[in-house]
Amino acid sequence: MNDNLSNIQEIKDFIDVLDMDLSVSRKKVETPCGEQKTSAGYRIKSINLFENGANIEVYLCDRALKEKDEVRGEDLVQFVVRYDKLNRRYIVQTQEEYQKECEEKEKTLDMIWINGMLAAKDNSGAHQDFYQVKGFDEETDMVTFDALRMVKAKTAHLHLFSADIKMLLGYFTDIARPMTKEEAVLIKQSKRLDVDRDI
């Protein structure tokens, strides 16, 4: 009984969030029959819960009102409403927006795991920084990595200057990039020191 009441409250919360998005935040939505205004209203077809979210199918009424018609399959839009635990906020996306985000995330993760070691985007001066990825938490989107610094001298030494840093995936991709071929060769030729007390 308690589980049913909990589900009912969850469904109500997700519908309220979607309603706010369609009433205030989102003015138009792309449907199979073209762009429709959200101000004309909507009808919910189905709701399917998943962990921390829901898939909600909605008929938009803009076309039907203009054409004095009933809502049809071409008016149907799928929304994904999720609760972001880390930032304590709800996220509303169309299925297409959600799919695109997932694909971009997969590309980013592929880039991270294929390369393993990445370079800092703002490398300059007498040193060069690199990031060794050690793990990724899918639930929180947190990347764990070591920060390494290479001092540009006659002999390249790779120094560990900060270990087990945790950073959101989006922020990590703002500061990191794949290494160039020259950097990869330099990394292979460098001597690694696990601790550098001078830094």
Protein backbone atom coordinates (compact mmCIF):
# COMPACT_ATOMS: atom_id res chain seq x y z
CA MET A 1 0.00 0.00 0.00
CA ASN A 2 2.83 2.40 0.94
CA ASP A 3 4.60 1.61 -2.34
CA ASN A 4 1.43 2.48 -4.27
CA LEU A 5 1.06 5.79 -2.42
CA SER A 6 4.74 6.54 -3.07
CA ASN A 7 4.27 5.84 -6.78
CA ILE A 8 1.18 8.07 -6.91
CA GLN A 9 3.14 10.93 -5.33
CA GLU A 10 6.03 10.36 -7.74
CA ILE A 11 3.67 10.46 -10.73
CA LYS A 12 2.06 13.67 -9.41
CA ASP A 13 5.50 15.28 -8.95
CA PHE A 14 6.63 14.36 -12.48
CA ILE A 15 3.37 15.63 -14.02
CA ASP A 16 3.71 18.92 -12.10
CA VAL A 17 7.28 19.33 -13.36
CA LEU A 18 6.25 18.59 -16.96
CA ASP A 19 3.31 20.98 -16.67
CA MET A 20 5.62 23.76 -15.48
CA ASP A 21 7.98 23.07 -18.39
CA LEU A 22 5.18 23.16 -20.99
CA SER A 23 3.39 26.14 -19.40
CA VAL A 24 6.38 28.36 -18.62
CA SER A 25 9.76 27.19 -19.92
CA ARG A 26 9.00 25.59 -23.29
CA LYS A 27 6.94 27.58 -25.81
CA LYS A 28 7.07 25.18 -28.78
CA VAL A 29 7.72 21.47 -29.35
CA GLU A 30 8.61 19.63 -32.55
CA THR A 31 6.09 16.87 -33.35
CA PRO A 32 5.83 14.40 -36.29
CA CYS A 33 3.45 16.86 -38.02
CA GLY A 34 5.58 19.94 -37.34
CA GLU A 35 6.12 22.50 -34.61
CA GLN A 36 3.28 23.01 -32.13
CA LYS A 37 2.72 25.67 -29.48
CA THR A 38 2.51 24.39 -25.91
CA SER A 39 0.10 27.18 -24.91
CA ALA A 40 -2.74 25.30 -26.66
CA GLY A 41 -2.59 22.59 -23.99
CA TYR A 42 -1.89 18.87 -23.95
CA ARG A 43 -3.33 15.49 -23.02
CA ILE A 44 -1.33 12.77 -21.28
CA LYS A 45 -1.48 9.37 -22.99
CA SER A 46 0.77 7.30 -20.70
CA ILE A 47 3.29 7.48 -17.85
CA ASN A 48 5.99 4.87 -17.20
CA LEU A 49 8.17 5.22 -14.12
CA PHE A 50 11.84 4.31 -13.99
CA GLU A 51 14.43 4.95 -11.26
CA ASN A 52 14.48 8.69 -10.50
CA GLY A 53 12.38 9.50 -13.54
CA ALA A 54 9.44 8.89 -15.84
CA ASN A 55 8.66 8.57 -19.54
CA ILE A 56 5.52 10.58 -20.28
CA GLU A 57 3.69 10.44 -23.63
CA VAL A 58 1.76 13.62 -24.38
CA TYR A 59 -0.61 14.71 -27.15
CA LEU A 60 -0.15 18.40 -27.96
CA CYS A 61 -3.42 20.11 -28.87
CA ASP A 62 -2.24 23.03 -31.04
CA ARG A 63 -2.80 21.35 -34.44
CA ALA A 64 -6.09 19.77 -33.38
CA LEU A 65 -7.51 23.11 -32.19
CA LYS A 66 -6.45 24.94 -35.36
CA GLU A 67 -7.93 22.26 -37.62
CA LYS A 68 -10.96 21.58 -35.37
CA ASP A 69 -9.85 17.96 -35.21
CA GLU A 70 -9.20 15.28 -32.60
CA VAL A 71 -5.65 14.72 -31.39
CA ARG A 72 -3.85 12.04 -33.43
CA GLY A 73 -0.64 10.04 -33.44
CA GLU A 74 1.23 12.84 -35.22
CA ASP A 75 0.57 15.09 -32.19
CA LEU A 76 2.29 12.66 -29.80
CA VAL A 77 5.55 13.64 -28.08
CA GLN A 78 7.55 11.57 -25.60
CA PHE A 79 9.09 13.40 -22.64
CA VAL A 80 11.70 12.16 -20.18
CA VAL A 81 11.40 13.75 -16.74
CA ARG A 82 14.30 12.99 -14.39
CA TYR A 83 15.35 13.97 -10.89
CA ASP A 84 19.02 14.93 -10.76
CA LYS A 85 20.06 13.84 -7.26
CA LEU A 86 23.45 15.52 -7.43
CA ASN A 87 22.10 18.99 -8.25
CA ARG A 88 18.73 18.41 -6.57
CA ARG A 89 16.64 19.50 -9.53
CA TYR A 90 14.30 18.08 -12.15
CA ILE A 91 15.24 17.88 -15.83
CA VAL A 92 12.63 17.77 -18.61
CA GLN A 93 13.63 16.68 -22.12
CA THR A 94 11.94 15.35 -25.21
CA GLN A 95 12.95 11.80 -26.09
CA GLU A 96 15.10 13.21 -28.93
CA GLU A 97 16.87 15.66 -26.59
CA TYR A 98 17.48 12.90 -24.05
CA GLN A 99 18.79 10.52 -26.73
CA LYS A 100 21.17 13.19 -28.07
CA GLU A 101 22.51 13.84 -24.56
CA CYS A 102 23.09 10.10 -24.04
CA GLU A 103 24.92 9.82 -27.37
CA GLU A 104 27.15 12.81 -26.54
CA LYS A 105 27.89 11.31 -23.14
CA GLU A 106 28.83 7.96 -24.72
CA LYS A 107 31.20 9.73 -27.14
CA THR A 108 32.81 11.56 -24.22
CA LEU A 109 33.22 8.36 -22.20
CA ASP A 110 34.67 6.58 -25.23
CA MET A 111 37.16 9.41 -25.62
CA ILE A 112 38.12 9.12 -21.95
CA TRP A 113 38.49 5.35 -21.79
CA ILE A 114 40.15 4.90 -25.21
CA ASN A 115 42.78 7.49 -24.35
CA GLY A 116 43.10 6.82 -20.62
CA MET A 117 45.57 9.67 -20.24
CA LEU A 118 44.39 13.09 -21.40
CA ALA A 119 46.11 16.47 -21.65
CA ALA A 120 45.02 19.72 -20.03
CA LYS A 121 43.56 22.19 -22.52
CA ASP A 122 45.43 25.17 -21.08
CA ASN A 123 48.98 23.76 -21.11
CA SER A 124 51.54 26.52 -21.38
CA GLY A 125 54.77 27.80 -19.90
CA ALA A 126 57.44 25.65 -18.33
CA HIS A 127 55.20 22.71 -17.51
CA GLN A 128 52.49 20.56 -19.08
CA ASP A 129 49.62 18.91 -17.18
CA PHE A 130 48.00 15.54 -17.88
CA TYR A 131 45.08 13.65 -16.36
CA GLN A 132 45.07 9.89 -15.76
CA VAL A 133 41.46 8.67 -15.56
CA LYS A 134 40.91 6.05 -12.85
CA GLY A 135 37.16 5.65 -12.68
CA PHE A 136 33.68 6.93 -13.51
CA ASP A 137 30.52 6.78 -11.38
CA GLU A 138 27.47 6.55 -13.68
CA GLU A 139 25.02 7.46 -10.93
CA THR A 140 26.70 10.77 -10.05
CA ASP A 141 28.52 11.46 -13.38
CA MET A 142 31.76 11.85 -11.42
CA VAL A 143 35.17 11.20 -13.01
CA THR A 144 38.03 10.18 -10.71
CA PHE A 145 41.52 11.00 -11.97
CA ASP A 146 45.11 11.78 -11.02
CA ALA A 147 46.67 15.08 -12.12
CA LEU A 148 50.23 14.74 -13.42
CA ARG A 149 52.66 17.47 -14.34
CA MET A 150 55.56 17.27 -16.76
CA VAL A 151 58.30 19.83 -16.26
CA LYS A 152 59.84 20.73 -19.60
CA ALA A 153 63.54 20.11 -19.11
CA LYS A 154 66.30 18.07 -20.79
CA THR A 155 64.82 14.91 -19.28
CA ALA A 156 61.05 14.73 -19.07
CA HIS A 157 59.76 13.75 -15.62
CA LEU A 158 56.09 13.11 -14.97
CA HIS A 159 55.16 14.16 -11.44
CA LEU A 160 51.98 13.24 -9.57
CA PHE A 161 50.81 16.48 -7.97
CA SER A 162 47.23 15.59 -7.04
CA ALA A 163 45.64 12.15 -6.65
CA ASP A 164 42.05 10.87 -6.73
CA ILE A 165 40.44 14.13 -7.86
CA LYS A 166 36.67 13.88 -8.37
CA MET A 167 34.97 16.09 -10.95
CA LEU A 168 31.67 16.12 -12.84
CA LEU A 169 32.01 14.72 -16.36
CA GLY A 170 30.87 18.00 -17.95
CA TYR A 171 33.50 20.01 -16.07
CA PHE A 172 36.19 17.42 -16.77
CA THR A 173 35.64 17.66 -20.52
CA ASP A 174 35.98 21.45 -20.19
CA ILE A 175 39.56 21.10 -18.94
CA ALA A 176 40.77 17.91 -20.69
CA ARG A 177 41.42 16.88 -24.30
CA PRO A 178 42.98 13.87 -26.10
CA MET A 179 46.77 13.98 -26.28
CA THR A 180 48.54 14.82 -29.52
CA LYS A 181 50.87 12.22 -31.07
CA GLU A 182 53.84 14.28 -29.88
CA GLU A 183 52.50 14.35 -26.31
CA ALA A 184 51.85 10.60 -26.36
CA VAL A 185 55.46 9.97 -27.42
CA LEU A 186 56.70 12.34 -24.71
CA ILE A 187 54.64 10.50 -22.08
CA LYS A 188 56.13 7.14 -23.13
CA GLN A 189 59.65 8.53 -22.95
CA SER A 190 59.19 10.30 -19.62
CA LYS A 191 60.20 9.03 -16.20
CA ARG A 192 57.35 8.91 -13.72
CA LEU A 193 57.75 10.07 -10.14
CA ASP A 194 54.81 9.21 -7.90
CA VAL A 195 55.51 12.09 -5.51
CA ASP A 196 57.04 15.45 -6.24
CA ARG A 197 57.39 17.48 -3.05
CA ASP A 198 58.59 20.55 -4.94
CA ILE A 199 55.16 21.13 -6.51
